[in-house]
Amino acid sequence: MIASLRFRPLGSGYACAQERLAPRKMHALPILSVAAVGAVKGGAFSDVRIVAGPVADRPLRLRDVEAFLEGRPAEAAVAREAGALAAQLCHPRGSPLRGSAECRQHLVGVLVRRALERIAGSAEGGQGWSDADAEHGGQ
């Protein structure tokens, strides 16, 4: 049992986002879930942390995607590239309840992109981008 949980509050310029696919809104095991936190400083991603699940035997920290994002512009094209990289790094199993492995792998990339869009639009100093920019590229 967890008796307490402590963490530092997010600093200036930080934002967080969670994207989740589930058959119902509440009390359902997710098909996929992505959580991200990070900052936008000087128009660029900084200190981003991303976790996806269930795509491995435990929640998967996407460290290669985090490294890719460091210092890159908080723009739609960068979020799309990060999503594509995330999809390449995840190898979920197929499941009759959660969908095929291929579908879930693609969706990891979509959820990572969406989370990064939200961070870019929410973080202090975040420039955000238009829906047309975010949707370009079909992901």
N, C-alpha and C. Protein backbone atom coordinates (compact mmCIF):
# COMPACT_ATOMS: atom_id res chain seq x y z
N MET A 1 0.84 -1.17 0.00
CA MET A 1 0.00 0.00 0.00
C MET A 1 0.90 1.24 0.00
N ILE A 2 0.53 2.21 -0.78
CA ILE A 2 1.25 3.49 -0.82
C ILE A 2 0.65 4.39 0.24
N ALA A 3 1.49 4.84 1.17
CA ALA A 3 1.02 5.69 2.25
C ALA A 3 1.10 7.17 1.89
N SER A 4 2.07 7.53 1.05
CA SER A 4 2.17 8.92 0.63
C SER A 4 2.94 8.98 -0.68
N LEU A 5 2.78 10.08 -1.36
CA LEU A 5 3.45 10.32 -2.63
C LEU A 5 3.85 11.78 -2.65
N ARG A 6 5.12 12.06 -2.88
CA ARG A 6 5.61 13.43 -2.92
C ARG A 6 6.36 13.66 -4.22
N PHE A 7 6.21 14.84 -4.76
CA PHE A 7 6.95 15.22 -5.95
C PHE A 7 7.05 16.73 -6.00
N ARG A 8 8.04 17.20 -6.75
CA ARG A 8 8.21 18.64 -6.92
C ARG A 8 7.14 19.16 -7.88
N PRO A 9 6.59 20.33 -7.60
CA PRO A 9 5.65 20.91 -8.55
C PRO A 9 6.37 21.29 -9.85
N LEU A 10 5.63 21.33 -10.92
CA LEU A 10 6.21 21.74 -12.20
C LEU A 10 6.63 23.19 -12.13
N GLY A 11 7.75 23.49 -12.74
CA GLY A 11 8.25 24.85 -12.76
C GLY A 11 7.60 25.67 -13.86
N SER A 12 8.01 26.90 -13.95
CA SER A 12 7.53 27.81 -14.96
C SER A 12 7.85 27.26 -16.35
N GLY A 13 6.89 27.30 -17.24
CA GLY A 13 7.09 26.84 -18.61
C GLY A 13 6.78 25.38 -18.82
N TYR A 14 6.47 24.64 -17.74
CA TYR A 14 6.16 23.22 -17.86
C TYR A 14 4.66 22.99 -18.03
N ALA A 15 4.35 21.90 -18.68
CA ALA A 15 2.96 21.46 -18.82
C ALA A 15 2.98 19.94 -18.89
N CYS A 16 1.83 19.34 -18.68
CA CYS A 16 1.73 17.89 -18.78
C CYS A 16 0.48 17.54 -19.58
N ALA A 17 0.48 16.32 -20.09
CA ALA A 17 -0.65 15.86 -20.89
C ALA A 17 -0.75 14.35 -20.78
N GLN A 18 -1.98 13.86 -20.81
CA GLN A 18 -2.20 12.43 -20.87
C GLN A 18 -3.20 12.17 -21.99
N GLU A 19 -2.88 11.20 -22.80
CA GLU A 19 -3.77 10.76 -23.88
C GLU A 19 -4.08 9.30 -23.61
N ARG A 20 -5.35 8.92 -23.74
CA ARG A 20 -5.76 7.57 -23.37
C ARG A 20 -6.83 7.08 -24.34
N LEU A 21 -6.69 5.84 -24.76
CA LEU A 21 -7.74 5.18 -25.55
C LEU A 21 -8.28 4.04 -24.71
N ALA A 22 -9.58 4.05 -24.48
CA ALA A 22 -10.21 2.99 -23.70
C ALA A 22 -11.63 2.77 -24.24
N PRO A 23 -12.17 1.57 -24.05
CA PRO A 23 -13.52 1.31 -24.56
C PRO A 23 -14.59 2.14 -23.87
N ARG A 24 -14.35 2.54 -22.62
CA ARG A 24 -15.28 3.40 -21.89
C ARG A 24 -14.48 4.51 -21.24
N LYS A 25 -15.17 5.52 -20.78
CA LYS A 25 -14.50 6.66 -20.15
C LYS A 25 -13.94 6.32 -18.76
N MET A 26 -14.61 5.44 -18.04
CA MET A 26 -14.19 5.18 -16.66
C MET A 26 -14.05 3.68 -16.41
N HIS A 27 -13.18 3.34 -15.50
CA HIS A 27 -13.05 1.98 -14.97
C HIS A 27 -12.82 0.94 -16.05
N ALA A 28 -12.04 1.27 -17.03
CA ALA A 28 -11.73 0.32 -18.09
C ALA A 28 -10.22 0.27 -18.27
N LEU A 29 -9.70 -0.92 -18.50
CA LEU A 29 -8.29 -1.02 -18.84
C LEU A 29 -8.08 -0.31 -20.17
N PRO A 30 -7.05 0.50 -20.26
CA PRO A 30 -6.86 1.24 -21.51
C PRO A 30 -6.34 0.35 -22.62
N ILE A 31 -6.71 0.71 -23.83
CA ILE A 31 -6.11 0.10 -25.01
C ILE A 31 -4.68 0.61 -25.11
N LEU A 32 -4.53 1.90 -24.89
CA LEU A 32 -3.22 2.56 -24.85
C LEU A 32 -3.32 3.80 -23.98
N SER A 33 -2.21 4.17 -23.40
CA SER A 33 -2.14 5.39 -22.61
C SER A 33 -0.74 5.99 -22.77
N VAL A 34 -0.69 7.30 -22.91
CA VAL A 34 0.58 8.02 -23.00
C VAL A 34 0.50 9.20 -22.05
N ALA A 35 1.52 9.37 -21.24
CA ALA A 35 1.63 10.53 -20.35
C ALA A 35 2.94 11.24 -20.66
N ALA A 36 2.88 12.57 -20.67
CA ALA A 36 4.07 13.35 -20.98
C ALA A 36 4.09 14.61 -20.13
N VAL A 37 5.29 15.04 -19.80
CA VAL A 37 5.50 16.30 -19.11
C VAL A 37 6.75 16.92 -19.72
N GLY A 38 6.75 18.23 -19.80
CA GLY A 38 7.91 18.90 -20.36
C GLY A 38 7.71 20.40 -20.38
N ALA A 39 8.75 21.07 -20.81
CA ALA A 39 8.72 22.53 -20.89
C ALA A 39 8.92 22.97 -22.33
N VAL A 40 8.48 24.17 -22.57
CA VAL A 40 8.80 24.86 -23.82
C VAL A 40 9.53 26.13 -23.42
N LYS A 41 10.80 26.20 -23.80
CA LYS A 41 11.64 27.34 -23.45
C LYS A 41 12.24 27.91 -24.73
N GLY A 42 12.03 29.17 -24.96
CA GLY A 42 12.53 29.80 -26.17
C GLY A 42 11.96 29.17 -27.43
N GLY A 43 10.73 28.66 -27.32
CA GLY A 43 10.07 28.04 -28.47
C GLY A 43 10.52 26.62 -28.76
N ALA A 44 11.32 26.02 -27.86
CA ALA A 44 11.84 24.67 -28.08
C ALA A 44 11.45 23.75 -26.92
N PHE A 45 11.29 22.47 -27.24
CA PHE A 45 11.01 21.48 -26.20
C PHE A 45 12.22 21.35 -25.28
N SER A 46 11.94 21.16 -23.99
CA SER A 46 13.01 21.00 -23.01
C SER A 46 12.53 20.07 -21.90
N ASP A 47 13.40 19.19 -21.46
CA ASP A 47 13.15 18.35 -20.29
C ASP A 47 11.84 17.56 -20.43
N VAL A 48 11.59 16.99 -21.59
CA VAL A 48 10.37 16.22 -21.83
C VAL A 48 10.55 14.80 -21.31
N ARG A 49 9.51 14.28 -20.67
CA ARG A 49 9.46 12.90 -20.20
C ARG A 49 8.18 12.27 -20.74
N ILE A 50 8.30 11.07 -21.33
CA ILE A 50 7.14 10.41 -21.94
C ILE A 50 7.11 8.95 -21.51
N VAL A 51 5.93 8.49 -21.12
CA VAL A 51 5.72 7.09 -20.75
C VAL A 51 4.50 6.58 -21.51
N ALA A 52 4.60 5.35 -22.03
CA ALA A 52 3.50 4.72 -22.75
C ALA A 52 3.19 3.37 -22.11
N GLY A 53 1.95 2.97 -22.20
CA GLY A 53 1.56 1.65 -21.70
C GLY A 53 0.17 1.31 -22.22
N PRO A 54 -0.26 0.13 -22.21
CA PRO A 54 0.56 -1.08 -22.11
C PRO A 54 1.13 -1.45 -23.48
N VAL A 55 2.41 -1.23 -23.62
CA VAL A 55 3.11 -1.55 -24.88
C VAL A 55 4.31 -2.45 -24.65
N ALA A 56 4.53 -2.83 -23.40
CA ALA A 56 5.63 -3.71 -23.02
C ALA A 56 5.20 -4.42 -21.74
N ASP A 57 6.11 -5.14 -21.12
CA ASP A 57 5.75 -5.85 -19.90
C ASP A 57 5.59 -4.92 -18.70
N ARG A 58 5.93 -3.65 -18.86
CA ARG A 58 5.74 -2.62 -17.83
C ARG A 58 5.61 -1.28 -18.56
N PRO A 59 5.15 -0.23 -17.87
CA PRO A 59 5.12 1.07 -18.53
C PRO A 59 6.48 1.39 -19.14
N LEU A 60 6.47 1.88 -20.35
CA LEU A 60 7.70 2.08 -21.12
C LEU A 60 8.05 3.56 -21.19
N ARG A 61 9.19 3.91 -20.65
CA ARG A 61 9.70 5.28 -20.76
C ARG A 61 10.36 5.42 -22.12
N LEU A 62 9.97 6.40 -22.88
CA LEU A 62 10.45 6.60 -24.25
C LEU A 62 11.64 7.56 -24.25
N ARG A 63 12.75 7.11 -23.69
CA ARG A 63 13.94 7.95 -23.53
C ARG A 63 14.53 8.41 -24.86
N ASP A 64 14.48 7.56 -25.89
CA ASP A 64 15.01 7.98 -27.19
C ASP A 64 14.18 9.10 -27.79
N VAL A 65 12.87 9.08 -27.56
CA VAL A 65 12.01 10.16 -28.04
C VAL A 65 12.30 11.44 -27.24
N GLU A 66 12.49 11.28 -25.93
CA GLU A 66 12.83 12.43 -25.10
C GLU A 66 14.12 13.09 -25.57
N ALA A 67 15.14 12.28 -25.86
CA ALA A 67 16.43 12.81 -26.33
C ALA A 67 16.26 13.50 -27.69
N PHE A 68 15.45 12.92 -28.56
CA PHE A 68 15.18 13.51 -29.87
C PHE A 68 14.58 14.90 -29.72
N LEU A 69 13.67 15.07 -28.75
CA LEU A 69 12.94 16.33 -28.60
C LEU A 69 13.77 17.46 -27.99
N GLU A 70 14.78 17.12 -27.21
CA GLU A 70 15.52 18.14 -26.46
C GLU A 70 16.09 19.22 -27.40
N GLY A 71 15.63 20.46 -27.18
CA GLY A 71 16.13 21.60 -27.94
C GLY A 71 15.50 21.78 -29.31
N ARG A 72 14.64 20.86 -29.72
CA ARG A 72 13.99 21.02 -31.03
C ARG A 72 12.79 21.96 -30.92
N PRO A 73 12.46 22.65 -32.00
CA PRO A 73 11.34 23.58 -31.98
C PRO A 73 10.03 22.89 -31.59
N ALA A 74 9.23 23.57 -30.79
CA ALA A 74 7.92 23.05 -30.40
C ALA A 74 6.95 23.31 -31.55
N GLU A 75 7.12 22.51 -32.60
CA GLU A 75 6.34 22.65 -33.84
C GLU A 75 5.68 21.34 -34.20
N ALA A 76 4.64 21.43 -35.02
CA ALA A 76 3.88 20.25 -35.43
C ALA A 76 4.75 19.21 -36.11
N ALA A 77 5.66 19.64 -36.97
CA ALA A 77 6.51 18.68 -37.69
C ALA A 77 7.39 17.89 -36.73
N VAL A 78 7.89 18.52 -35.69
CA VAL A 78 8.72 17.84 -34.71
C VAL A 78 7.87 16.85 -33.91
N ALA A 79 6.66 17.25 -33.55
CA ALA A 79 5.76 16.35 -32.82
C ALA A 79 5.43 15.12 -33.67
N ARG A 80 5.23 15.32 -34.97
CA ARG A 80 4.97 14.17 -35.87
C ARG A 80 6.16 13.24 -35.92
N GLU A 81 7.36 13.80 -36.03
CA GLU A 81 8.58 12.97 -36.06
C GLU A 81 8.74 12.20 -34.76
N ALA A 82 8.48 12.86 -33.63
CA ALA A 82 8.59 12.20 -32.32
C ALA A 82 7.56 11.08 -32.22
N GLY A 83 6.37 11.30 -32.73
CA GLY A 83 5.35 10.25 -32.72
C GLY A 83 5.77 9.05 -33.56
N ALA A 84 6.34 9.32 -34.72
CA ALA A 84 6.80 8.22 -35.58
C ALA A 84 7.92 7.44 -34.90
N LEU A 85 8.82 8.12 -34.23
CA LEU A 85 9.90 7.44 -33.50
C LEU A 85 9.32 6.60 -32.37
N ALA A 86 8.36 7.14 -31.64
CA ALA A 86 7.72 6.40 -30.55
C ALA A 86 7.08 5.12 -31.07
N ALA A 87 6.41 5.20 -32.21
CA ALA A 87 5.78 4.02 -32.78
C ALA A 87 6.83 2.96 -33.13
N GLN A 88 7.97 3.38 -33.63
CA GLN A 88 9.04 2.43 -33.97
C GLN A 88 9.60 1.74 -32.73
N LEU A 89 9.62 2.44 -31.61
CA LEU A 89 10.22 1.91 -30.39
C LEU A 89 9.31 0.98 -29.60
N CYS A 90 8.01 1.07 -29.84
CA CYS A 90 7.04 0.27 -29.09
C CYS A 90 6.66 -0.97 -29.87
N HIS A 91 6.56 -2.07 -29.16
CA HIS A 91 6.19 -3.34 -29.78
C HIS A 91 5.11 -4.01 -28.95
N PRO A 92 3.89 -3.44 -28.98
CA PRO A 92 2.81 -4.03 -28.18
C PRO A 92 2.35 -5.37 -28.75
N ARG A 93 1.81 -6.19 -27.88
CA ARG A 93 1.22 -7.46 -28.35
C ARG A 93 -0.18 -7.19 -28.85
N GLY A 94 -0.61 -8.01 -29.78
CA GLY A 94 -1.99 -7.95 -30.24
C GLY A 94 -2.89 -8.58 -29.20
N SER A 95 -4.13 -8.16 -29.17
CA SER A 95 -5.09 -8.67 -28.20
C SER A 95 -6.50 -8.55 -28.77
N PRO A 96 -7.34 -9.56 -28.57
CA PRO A 96 -8.72 -9.44 -29.05
C PRO A 96 -9.46 -8.26 -28.40
N LEU A 97 -9.06 -7.90 -27.18
CA LEU A 97 -9.73 -6.80 -26.48
C LEU A 97 -9.11 -5.45 -26.77
N ARG A 98 -7.82 -5.42 -27.09
CA ARG A 98 -7.12 -4.15 -27.27
C ARG A 98 -6.75 -3.85 -28.71
N GLY A 99 -6.91 -4.78 -29.62
CA GLY A 99 -6.61 -4.54 -31.02
C GLY A 99 -5.32 -5.19 -31.46
N SER A 100 -5.07 -5.12 -32.75
CA SER A 100 -3.88 -5.74 -33.31
C SER A 100 -2.62 -5.00 -32.87
N ALA A 101 -1.51 -5.70 -32.90
CA ALA A 101 -0.23 -5.10 -32.54
C ALA A 101 0.09 -3.93 -33.47
N GLU A 102 -0.17 -4.10 -34.76
CA GLU A 102 0.12 -3.05 -35.74
C GLU A 102 -0.70 -1.79 -35.48
N CYS A 103 -1.97 -1.98 -35.19
CA CYS A 103 -2.84 -0.84 -34.93
C CYS A 103 -2.39 -0.10 -33.67
N ARG A 104 -2.11 -0.84 -32.62
CA ARG A 104 -1.69 -0.23 -31.36
C ARG A 104 -0.34 0.45 -31.50
N GLN A 105 0.55 -0.12 -32.29
CA GLN A 105 1.86 0.50 -32.52
C GLN A 105 1.68 1.86 -33.20
N HIS A 106 0.84 1.90 -34.22
CA HIS A 106 0.56 3.17 -34.90
C HIS A 106 -0.07 4.18 -33.93
N LEU A 107 -1.00 3.72 -33.11
CA LEU A 107 -1.70 4.61 -32.20
C LEU A 107 -0.78 5.20 -31.12
N VAL A 108 0.27 4.49 -30.73
CA VAL A 108 1.24 5.06 -29.79
C VAL A 108 1.80 6.36 -30.38
N GLY A 109 2.15 6.33 -31.65
CA GLY A 109 2.67 7.52 -32.30
C GLY A 109 1.66 8.66 -32.32
N VAL A 110 0.42 8.33 -32.57
CA VAL A 110 -0.64 9.35 -32.59
C VAL A 110 -0.79 9.97 -31.21
N LEU A 111 -0.81 9.14 -30.16
CA LEU A 111 -1.00 9.66 -28.81
C LEU A 111 0.19 10.49 -28.35
N VAL A 112 1.40 10.09 -28.72
CA VAL A 112 2.59 10.88 -28.38
C VAL A 112 2.50 12.24 -29.07
N ARG A 113 2.15 12.25 -30.34
CA ARG A 113 2.01 13.52 -31.06
C ARG A 113 0.99 14.41 -30.39
N ARG A 114 -0.16 13.86 -30.04
CA ARG A 114 -1.22 14.66 -29.40
C ARG A 114 -0.76 15.22 -28.05
N ALA A 115 -0.07 14.41 -27.27
CA ALA A 115 0.42 14.88 -25.97
C ALA A 115 1.40 16.03 -26.16
N LEU A 116 2.28 15.92 -27.14
CA LEU A 116 3.24 16.99 -27.40
C LEU A 116 2.55 18.26 -27.89
N GLU A 117 1.50 18.11 -28.67
CA GLU A 117 0.71 19.28 -29.10
C GLU A 117 0.15 20.00 -27.90
N ARG A 118 -0.38 19.24 -26.96
CA ARG A 118 -0.97 19.84 -25.77
C ARG A 118 0.09 20.53 -24.92
N ILE A 119 1.25 19.91 -24.78
CA ILE A 119 2.33 20.54 -24.02
C ILE A 119 2.77 21.83 -24.69
N ALA A 120 2.95 21.80 -25.99
CA ALA A 120 3.38 23.00 -26.72
C ALA A 120 2.36 24.12 -26.62
N GLY A 121 1.09 23.76 -26.61
CA GLY A 121 0.04 24.77 -26.52
C GLY A 121 -0.23 25.26 -25.11
N SER A 122 0.17 24.49 -24.10
CA SER A 122 -0.14 24.81 -22.71
C SER A 122 1.03 25.38 -21.92
N ALA A 123 2.24 24.94 -22.25
CA ALA A 123 3.40 25.36 -21.47
C ALA A 123 3.60 26.86 -21.59
N GLU A 124 4.04 27.46 -20.52
CA GLU A 124 4.31 28.89 -20.54
C GLU A 124 5.32 29.17 -21.64
N GLY A 125 4.98 30.07 -22.52
CA GLY A 125 5.87 30.37 -23.63
C GLY A 125 5.62 29.47 -24.83
N GLY A 126 4.74 28.47 -24.68
CA GLY A 126 4.45 27.57 -25.78
C GLY A 126 3.74 28.31 -26.90
N GLN A 127 4.15 28.06 -28.10
CA GLN A 127 3.57 28.77 -29.23
C GLN A 127 2.33 28.07 -29.76
N GLY A 128 2.23 26.76 -29.51
CA GLY A 128 1.11 26.02 -30.08
C GLY A 128 1.20 26.04 -31.59
N TRP A 129 0.20 25.52 -32.25
CA TRP A 129 0.12 25.59 -33.69
C TRP A 129 -1.31 25.35 -34.11
N SER A 130 -1.59 25.61 -35.34
CA SER A 130 -2.97 25.50 -35.81
C SER A 130 -3.36 24.04 -35.98
N ASP A 131 -4.67 23.77 -35.96
CA ASP A 131 -5.16 22.41 -36.19
C ASP A 131 -4.71 21.89 -37.55
N ALA A 132 -4.64 22.77 -38.53
CA ALA A 132 -4.20 22.33 -39.87
C ALA A 132 -2.75 21.87 -39.82
N ASP A 133 -1.90 22.59 -39.10
CA ASP A 133 -0.50 22.17 -38.96
C ASP A 133 -0.39 20.83 -38.24
N ALA A 134 -1.17 20.67 -37.17
CA ALA A 134 -1.10 19.45 -36.37
C ALA A 134 -1.60 18.25 -37.13
N GLU A 135 -2.56 18.42 -38.00
CA GLU A 135 -3.14 17.30 -38.73
C GLU A 135 -2.38 16.97 -39.99
N HIS A 136 -1.49 17.86 -40.46
CA HIS A 136 -0.72 17.60 -41.66
C HIS A 136 0.13 16.35 -41.47
N GLY A 137 0.11 15.49 -42.39
CA GLY A 137 0.94 14.29 -42.31
C GLY A 137 0.16 13.05 -41.97
N GLY A 138 -1.13 13.18 -41.66
CA GLY A 138 -1.99 12.04 -41.50
C GLY A 138 -1.79 11.23 -40.23
N GLN A 139 -0.97 11.74 -39.31
CA GLN A 139 -0.79 10.95 -38.09
C GLN A 139 -1.62 11.52 -36.99
